[in-house]
Protein backbone atom coordinates (compact mmCIF):
# COMPACT_ATOMS: atom_id res chain seq x y z
CA UNK A 1 19.68 5.43 -6.65
CA UNK A 2 17.49 2.92 -4.79
CA UNK A 3 18.96 0.07 -6.84
CA UNK A 4 22.55 1.17 -6.08
CA UNK A 5 21.70 1.46 -2.38
CA UNK A 6 20.14 -2.03 -2.39
CA UNK A 7 23.21 -3.46 -4.17
CA UNK A 8 25.61 -1.99 -1.59
CA UNK A 9 23.47 -3.18 1.33
CA UNK A 10 23.44 -6.76 -0.01
CA UNK A 11 27.20 -6.77 -0.63
CA UNK A 12 27.88 -5.23 2.78
CA UNK A 13 25.67 -7.82 4.47
CA UNK A 14 27.29 -10.86 2.85
CA UNK A 15 30.94 -9.76 2.79
CA UNK A 16 31.89 -9.86 6.44
CA UNK A 17 35.03 -10.71 8.36
CA UNK A 18 34.84 -14.39 7.42
CA UNK A 19 34.74 -13.57 3.71
CA UNK A 20 37.25 -10.71 3.68
CA UNK A 21 39.77 -12.53 5.87
CA UNK A 22 39.53 -15.67 3.72
CA UNK A 23 38.67 -17.98 6.65
CA UNK A 24 35.07 -18.45 5.50
CA UNK A 25 36.29 -19.14 1.95
CA UNK A 26 38.72 -21.80 3.20
CA UNK A 27 36.05 -23.53 5.33
CA UNK A 28 33.38 -23.62 2.61
CA UNK A 29 35.40 -23.75 -0.65
CA UNK A 30 39.20 -23.74 -0.84
CA UNK A 31 39.77 -26.93 1.14
CA UNK A 32 38.08 -28.85 -1.70
CA UNK A 33 40.87 -27.94 -4.13
CA UNK A 34 40.24 -27.03 -7.77
CA UNK A 35 36.72 -28.43 -7.56
CA UNK A 36 35.94 -25.40 -5.38
CA UNK A 37 35.75 -23.29 -8.57
CA UNK A 38 32.86 -25.45 -9.78
CA UNK A 39 31.21 -24.89 -6.41
CA UNK A 40 31.69 -21.13 -6.74
CA UNK A 41 29.96 -21.22 -10.15
CA UNK A 42 27.09 -23.11 -8.52
CA UNK A 43 27.04 -20.53 -5.70
CA UNK A 44 26.60 -17.74 -8.29
CA UNK A 45 23.43 -19.31 -9.70
CA UNK A 46 22.07 -20.03 -6.22
CA UNK A 47 22.73 -16.46 -5.04
CA UNK A 48 21.17 -15.04 -8.21
CA UNK A 49 18.01 -17.12 -7.89
CA UNK A 50 17.62 -16.62 -4.14
CA UNK A 51 18.37 -12.89 -4.13
CA UNK A 52 15.73 -12.44 -6.81
CA UNK A 53 13.27 -14.67 -4.97
CA UNK A 54 13.71 -12.99 -1.58
CA UNK A 55 13.52 -9.48 -3.02
CA UNK A 56 10.16 -10.40 -4.55
CA UNK A 57 8.80 -12.30 -1.54
CA UNK A 58 9.74 -9.70 1.07
CA UNK A 59 6.28 -8.65 2.19
CA UNK A 60 5.10 -12.23 2.76
CA UNK A 61 8.31 -13.02 4.68
CA UNK A 62 7.83 -10.05 7.00
CA UNK A 63 4.23 -11.04 7.67
CA UNK A 64 5.33 -14.60 8.43
CA UNK A 65 8.15 -13.42 10.71
CA UNK A 66 5.72 -11.24 12.65
CA UNK A 67 3.59 -14.34 13.41
CA UNK A 68 6.31 -16.95 13.97
CA UNK A 69 8.12 -17.15 17.31
CA UNK A 70 10.12 -20.11 15.97
CA UNK A 71 11.56 -18.07 13.07
CA UNK A 72 12.36 -15.14 15.33
CA UNK A 73 14.25 -17.32 17.81
CA UNK A 74 16.24 -19.09 15.08
CA UNK A 75 17.00 -15.75 13.42
CA UNK A 76 18.28 -14.32 16.72
CA UNK A 77 20.58 -17.32 17.28
CA UNK A 78 22.04 -17.06 13.77
CA UNK A 79 22.53 -13.29 14.00
CA UNK A 80 24.12 -13.64 17.44
CA UNK A 81 26.67 -16.17 16.16
CA UNK A 82 27.52 -14.11 13.10
CA UNK A 83 27.64 -10.83 15.05
CA UNK A 84 30.03 -12.40 17.55
CA UNK A 85 32.31 -13.37 14.65
CA UNK A 86 32.25 -9.79 13.32
CA UNK A 87 33.15 -8.36 16.76
CA UNK A 88 35.86 -11.00 17.28
CA UNK A 89 37.21 -10.14 13.83
CA UNK A 90 37.38 -6.45 14.74
CA UNK A 91 39.21 -7.22 17.99
CA UNK A 92 41.61 -9.55 16.16
CA UNK A 93 42.39 -6.89 13.55
CA UNK A 94 42.94 -4.19 16.17
CA UNK A 95 45.18 -6.39 18.31
CA UNK A 96 48.37 -4.90 16.80
CA UNK A 97 47.42 -1.46 18.14
CA UNK A 98 47.48 -0.25 21.75
CA UNK A 99 44.54 -0.73 24.07
CA UNK A 100 43.40 2.89 23.72
CA UNK A 101 42.92 2.53 19.94
CA UNK A 102 41.04 -0.75 20.43
CA UNK A 103 38.65 0.77 22.99
CA UNK A 104 37.98 3.91 20.91
CA UNK A 105 37.38 1.92 17.71
CA UNK A 106 35.01 -0.54 19.41
CA UNK A 107 33.09 2.30 21.09
CA UNK A 108 32.57 4.00 17.70
CA UNK A 109 31.37 0.74 16.13
CA UNK A 110 28.99 -0.02 18.99
CA UNK A 111 27.65 3.54 19.03
CA UNK A 112 26.74 3.40 15.35
CA UNK A 113 25.19 -0.01 15.96
CA UNK A 114 23.00 1.73 18.54
CA UNK A 115 22.05 4.33 15.91
CA UNK A 116 20.92 1.50 13.62
CA UNK A 117 18.93 -0.03 16.49
CA UNK A 118 17.10 3.28 16.87
CA UNK A 119 16.79 4.53 13.27
CA UNK A 120 16.69 1.30 11.25
CA UNK A 121 17.18 0.73 7.55
CA UNK A 122 17.99 4.32 6.56
CA UNK A 123 21.13 4.42 8.73
CA UNK A 124 22.16 0.99 7.46
CA UNK A 125 21.87 2.10 3.81
CA UNK A 126 23.95 5.23 4.43
CA UNK A 127 26.75 3.27 6.10
CA UNK A 128 26.92 0.68 3.31
CA UNK A 129 26.73 3.30 0.54
CA UNK A 130 29.86 4.96 1.95
CA UNK A 131 31.89 1.95 3.09
CA UNK A 132 31.19 -0.89 0.64
CA UNK A 133 32.65 0.64 -2.58
CA UNK A 134 35.94 1.42 -0.81
CA UNK A 135 36.05 -2.01 0.82
CA UNK A 136 35.38 -4.01 -2.36
CA UNK A 137 37.65 -1.89 -4.56
CA UNK A 138 40.68 -2.12 -2.29
CA UNK A 139 40.16 -5.81 -1.54
CA UNK A 140 39.82 -6.73 -5.20
CA UNK A 141 42.98 -4.80 -6.06
CA UNK A 142 44.88 -6.48 -3.23
CA UNK A 143 43.77 -9.95 -4.30
CA UNK A 144 44.90 -9.29 -7.87
CA UNK A 145 48.32 -8.17 -6.61
CA UNK A 146 48.65 -11.28 -4.44
CA UNK A 147 47.87 -13.80 -7.18
CA UNK A 148 50.63 -15.79 -8.89
CA UNK A 149 50.83 -18.56 -11.47
CA UNK A 150 48.32 -21.36 -11.00
CA UNK A 151 47.24 -24.09 -13.42
CA UNK A 152 43.50 -23.98 -14.06
CA UNK A 153 43.55 -26.05 -17.25
CA UNK A 154 42.66 -29.38 -15.68
CA UNK A 155 41.77 -31.15 -12.50
CA UNK A 156 38.43 -29.53 -11.69
CA UNK A 157 36.59 -32.82 -11.43
CA UNK A 158 39.58 -34.95 -10.46
CA UNK A 159 39.15 -33.50 -6.97
CA UNK A 160 35.37 -33.93 -7.03
CA UNK A 161 33.83 -34.11 -3.57
CA UNK A 162 30.12 -34.29 -2.77
CA UNK A 163 31.02 -32.49 0.47
CA UNK A 164 32.16 -29.54 -1.65
CA UNK A 165 28.66 -29.24 -3.13
CA UNK A 166 27.11 -29.70 0.29
CA UNK A 167 29.25 -26.93 1.81
CA UNK A 168 28.46 -24.69 -1.17
CA UNK A 169 24.76 -25.01 -0.37
CA UNK A 170 25.48 -24.41 3.33
CA UNK A 171 27.44 -21.28 2.46
CA UNK A 172 24.68 -19.80 0.34
CA UNK A 173 21.99 -20.70 2.88
CA UNK A 174 24.04 -19.17 5.72
CA UNK A 175 24.38 -15.88 3.86
CA UNK A 176 20.74 -15.87 2.81
CA UNK A 177 19.64 -16.37 6.41
CA UNK A 178 21.46 -13.31 7.70
CA UNK A 179 20.38 -11.16 4.73
CA UNK A 180 16.81 -12.35 4.10
CA UNK A 181 15.20 -9.79 6.43
CA UNK A 182 17.24 -6.97 4.88
CA UNK A 183 16.33 -8.24 1.40
CA UNK A 184 12.69 -8.38 2.41
CA UNK A 185 12.75 -4.72 3.45
CA UNK A 186 14.73 -3.24 0.56
CA UNK A 187 12.81 -5.29 -2.02
CA UNK A 188 9.62 -3.42 -1.16
CA UNK A 189 11.16 -0.16 -2.46
CA UNK A 190 12.27 -1.54 -5.85
CA UNK A 191 10.51 -2.10 -9.16
CA UNK A 192 10.41 -5.56 -10.72
CA UNK A 193 13.22 -4.69 -13.15
CA UNK A 194 15.34 -3.21 -10.39
CA UNK A 195 14.95 -6.36 -8.32
CA UNK A 196 16.13 -8.52 -11.23
CA UNK A 197 19.18 -6.31 -11.87
CA UNK A 198 20.13 -5.99 -8.21
CA UNK A 199 19.88 -9.78 -7.76
CA UNK A 200 22.07 -10.53 -10.80
CA UNK A 201 24.80 -7.94 -10.21
CA UNK A 202 24.97 -8.64 -6.46
CA UNK A 203 25.48 -12.36 -7.13
CA UNK A 204 28.02 -11.61 -9.87
CA UNK A 205 30.06 -9.18 -7.74
CA UNK A 206 30.13 -11.59 -4.79
CA UNK A 207 31.21 -14.58 -6.83
CA UNK A 208 33.85 -12.71 -8.87
CA UNK A 209 35.48 -11.61 -5.63
CA UNK A 210 35.03 -15.12 -4.22
CA UNK A 211 36.64 -16.64 -7.33
CA UNK A 212 39.79 -14.52 -7.16
CA UNK A 213 40.13 -14.87 -3.39
CA UNK A 214 39.86 -18.65 -3.76
CA UNK A 215 42.39 -18.52 -6.60
CA UNK A 216 44.94 -16.81 -4.32
CA UNK A 217 44.24 -19.11 -1.37
CA UNK A 218 44.78 -22.25 -3.45
CA UNK A 219 48.24 -20.93 -4.34
CA UNK A 220 49.02 -20.66 -0.62
CA UNK A 221 47.54 -23.73 1.07
CA UNK A 222 49.93 -23.33 3.98
CA UNK A 223 47.80 -20.39 5.24
CA UNK A 224 44.58 -22.45 5.49
CA UNK A 225 45.08 -22.98 9.22
CA UNK A 226 45.49 -19.25 9.95
CA UNK A 227 42.61 -17.34 11.58
CA UNK A 228 42.77 -14.81 8.73
CA UNK A 229 44.42 -16.58 5.76
CA UNK A 230 44.34 -13.68 3.26
CA UNK A 231 45.73 -11.24 5.81
CA UNK A 232 48.69 -13.55 6.51
CA UNK A 233 49.79 -13.17 2.87
CA UNK A 234 50.56 -9.46 3.25
CA UNK A 235 53.22 -7.61 5.20
CA UNK A 236 54.07 -4.03 6.16
CA UNK A 237 51.92 -1.15 4.95
CA UNK A 238 49.93 -3.41 2.67
CA UNK A 239 49.04 -5.52 5.70
CA UNK A 240 47.65 -2.45 7.48
CA UNK A 241 45.53 -1.61 4.42
CA UNK A 242 44.13 -5.15 4.29
CA UNK A 243 43.37 -4.97 8.00
CA UNK A 244 41.37 -1.80 7.40
CA UNK A 245 39.44 -3.41 4.53
CA UNK A 246 38.62 -6.55 6.53
CA UNK A 247 37.59 -4.27 9.39
CA UNK A 248 35.14 -2.52 7.05
CA UNK A 249 33.76 -5.94 6.10
CA UNK A 250 33.25 -6.76 9.78
CA UNK A 251 31.54 -3.44 10.41
CA UNK A 252 29.12 -3.44 7.44
CA UNK A 253 27.99 -6.99 8.17
CA UNK A 254 27.69 -6.29 11.89
CA UNK A 255 25.41 -3.32 11.17
CA UNK A 256 23.15 -5.50 8.98
CA UNK A 257 23.07 -8.23 11.60
CA UNK A 258 22.17 -5.78 14.36
CA UNK A 259 19.31 -4.48 12.23
CA UNK A 260 18.11 -8.00 11.39
CA UNK A 261 18.40 -9.30 14.95
CA UNK A 262 16.59 -6.26 16.39
CA UNK A 263 13.60 -6.97 14.12
CA UNK A 264 13.26 -10.44 15.62
CA UNK A 265 13.87 -9.39 19.23
CA UNK A 266 11.18 -6.71 18.95
CA UNK A 267 8.87 -9.32 17.46
CA UNK A 268 9.18 -11.27 20.72
CA UNK A 269 9.69 -8.48 23.25
CA UNK A 270 9.14 -4.72 23.12
CA UNK A 271 11.72 -4.00 25.84
CA UNK A 272 14.49 -1.85 24.31
CA UNK A 273 17.00 -2.84 26.99
CA UNK A 274 16.48 -6.50 26.06
CA UNK A 275 17.01 -5.59 22.40
CA UNK A 276 20.31 -3.90 23.30
CA UNK A 277 21.48 -6.88 25.38
CA UNK A 278 20.60 -9.52 22.77
CA UNK A 279 21.84 -7.58 19.72
CA UNK A 280 25.09 -6.18 21.15
CA UNK A 281 26.02 -7.41 24.64
CA UNK A 282 25.50 -11.15 23.98
CA UNK A 283 27.53 -11.20 20.71
CA UNK A 284 30.26 -9.23 22.49
CA UNK A 285 30.45 -11.95 25.17
CA UNK A 286 30.50 -14.83 22.63
CA UNK A 287 33.23 -13.05 20.63
CA UNK A 288 35.63 -13.96 23.45
CA UNK A 289 35.62 -17.54 22.05
CA UNK A 290 37.88 -16.26 19.26
CA UNK A 291 37.32 -15.48 15.60
CA UNK A 292 38.78 -18.70 14.18
CA UNK A 293 36.77 -20.95 16.50
CA UNK A 294 33.49 -19.15 15.74
CA UNK A 295 33.95 -19.36 11.96
CA UNK A 296 35.21 -22.96 11.97
CA UNK A 297 32.65 -24.46 14.36
CA UNK A 298 29.66 -22.16 14.79
CA UNK A 299 29.27 -21.05 11.15
CA UNK A 300 28.34 -24.57 9.92
CA UNK A 301 25.85 -24.79 12.82
CA UNK A 302 24.37 -21.46 11.70
CA UNK A 303 24.01 -22.86 8.18
CA UNK A 304 21.96 -25.80 9.45
CA UNK A 305 19.75 -23.49 11.53
CA UNK A 306 19.35 -21.27 8.46
CA UNK A 307 17.71 -24.15 6.59
CA UNK A 308 14.92 -24.22 9.18
CA UNK A 309 14.58 -20.43 9.12
CA UNK A 310 14.31 -20.14 5.34
CA UNK A 311 11.92 -23.08 5.11
CA UNK A 312 9.63 -21.57 7.75
CA UNK A 313 9.73 -18.04 6.30
CA UNK A 314 9.57 -18.79 2.59
CA UNK A 315 9.43 -22.33 1.28
CA UNK A 316 6.71 -23.95 3.40
CA UNK A 317 4.21 -21.22 2.53
CA UNK A 318 5.34 -21.42 -1.11
CA UNK A 319 4.71 -25.16 -1.23
CA UNK A 320 1.33 -24.68 0.46
CA UNK A 321 0.28 -22.12 -2.17
CA UNK A 322 1.48 -24.41 -4.97
CA UNK A 323 -0.40 -27.36 -3.48
CA UNK A 324 -3.59 -25.27 -3.13
CA UNK A 325 -3.40 -24.15 -6.77
CA UNK A 326 -2.83 -27.70 -8.02
CA UNK A 327 -5.68 -29.01 -5.85
CA UNK A 328 -8.09 -26.30 -7.09
CA UNK A 329 -7.12 -26.98 -10.71
CA UNK A 330 -7.89 -30.66 -10.26
CA UNK A 331 -11.28 -29.82 -8.79
CA UNK A 332 -12.07 -27.51 -11.69
CA UNK A 333 -11.14 -30.14 -14.29
CA UNK A 334 -13.47 -32.62 -12.58
């Protein structure tokens, strides 16, 4: 049960509005043509390795975060940007309804975000356990229905672009930055075997969905400029269903981001009003910039900031420990 819960939390954290709407996939993969499938395969191995690594290094990461103001500040900036995209995505999806529906829906989302601020990981796990299976199942079915003929027999490396590999790394790093705190917490409740299985199947599920979504988008390059490319492929009742699914993606990721951001804010300041303002009010204000603008311009910035965060939390200390071991071994041999 713990492993299933961890799996759903990871999927719910990574698959947000940018992923489910297709905009994030266009920015980081589809625009590089058929070579994007090679990048997705690379993303699978990176996710697998990093999920496994972060699940196992959780305790050290939490201890480091508790001591590092730099990491907390960077983490807050990243979470604020991503949370603003989730809120903007929700507003965008609700725009076809009347103002009353929009207000009620946003109040419900913000109220449960407050519950997560107060109660923490348990509330986050419950939300993801209920919402993620429905979200992934419906989205995968919709993507399969939308796909049409597309030649995959050749041309993967004819469209080779080093920028495609670079953006693949940025994509993985971005998603690891907003999920590393959650991974650190849930990893402490899993056995070694459970961590390995959760890491593998989470990476596999993400990249299978990413593969098919990319497949559909490459058949419809004219939608690349849309704020929500996948949504623009559907009409009528099917469009309403896709809106609901993307909305669930926004909500599950927003909940994880609120939880992650609150951990950092409380590490810097114990004032609960400040936590509320930073985790919910500030992203709500930034969301007014528009969903497409946030994903296109601020997501790459978040990826760069994520490099500093992950290095400070995980890799610098890892290199220090490796250097210490090598140095001690050399002394012993002498």
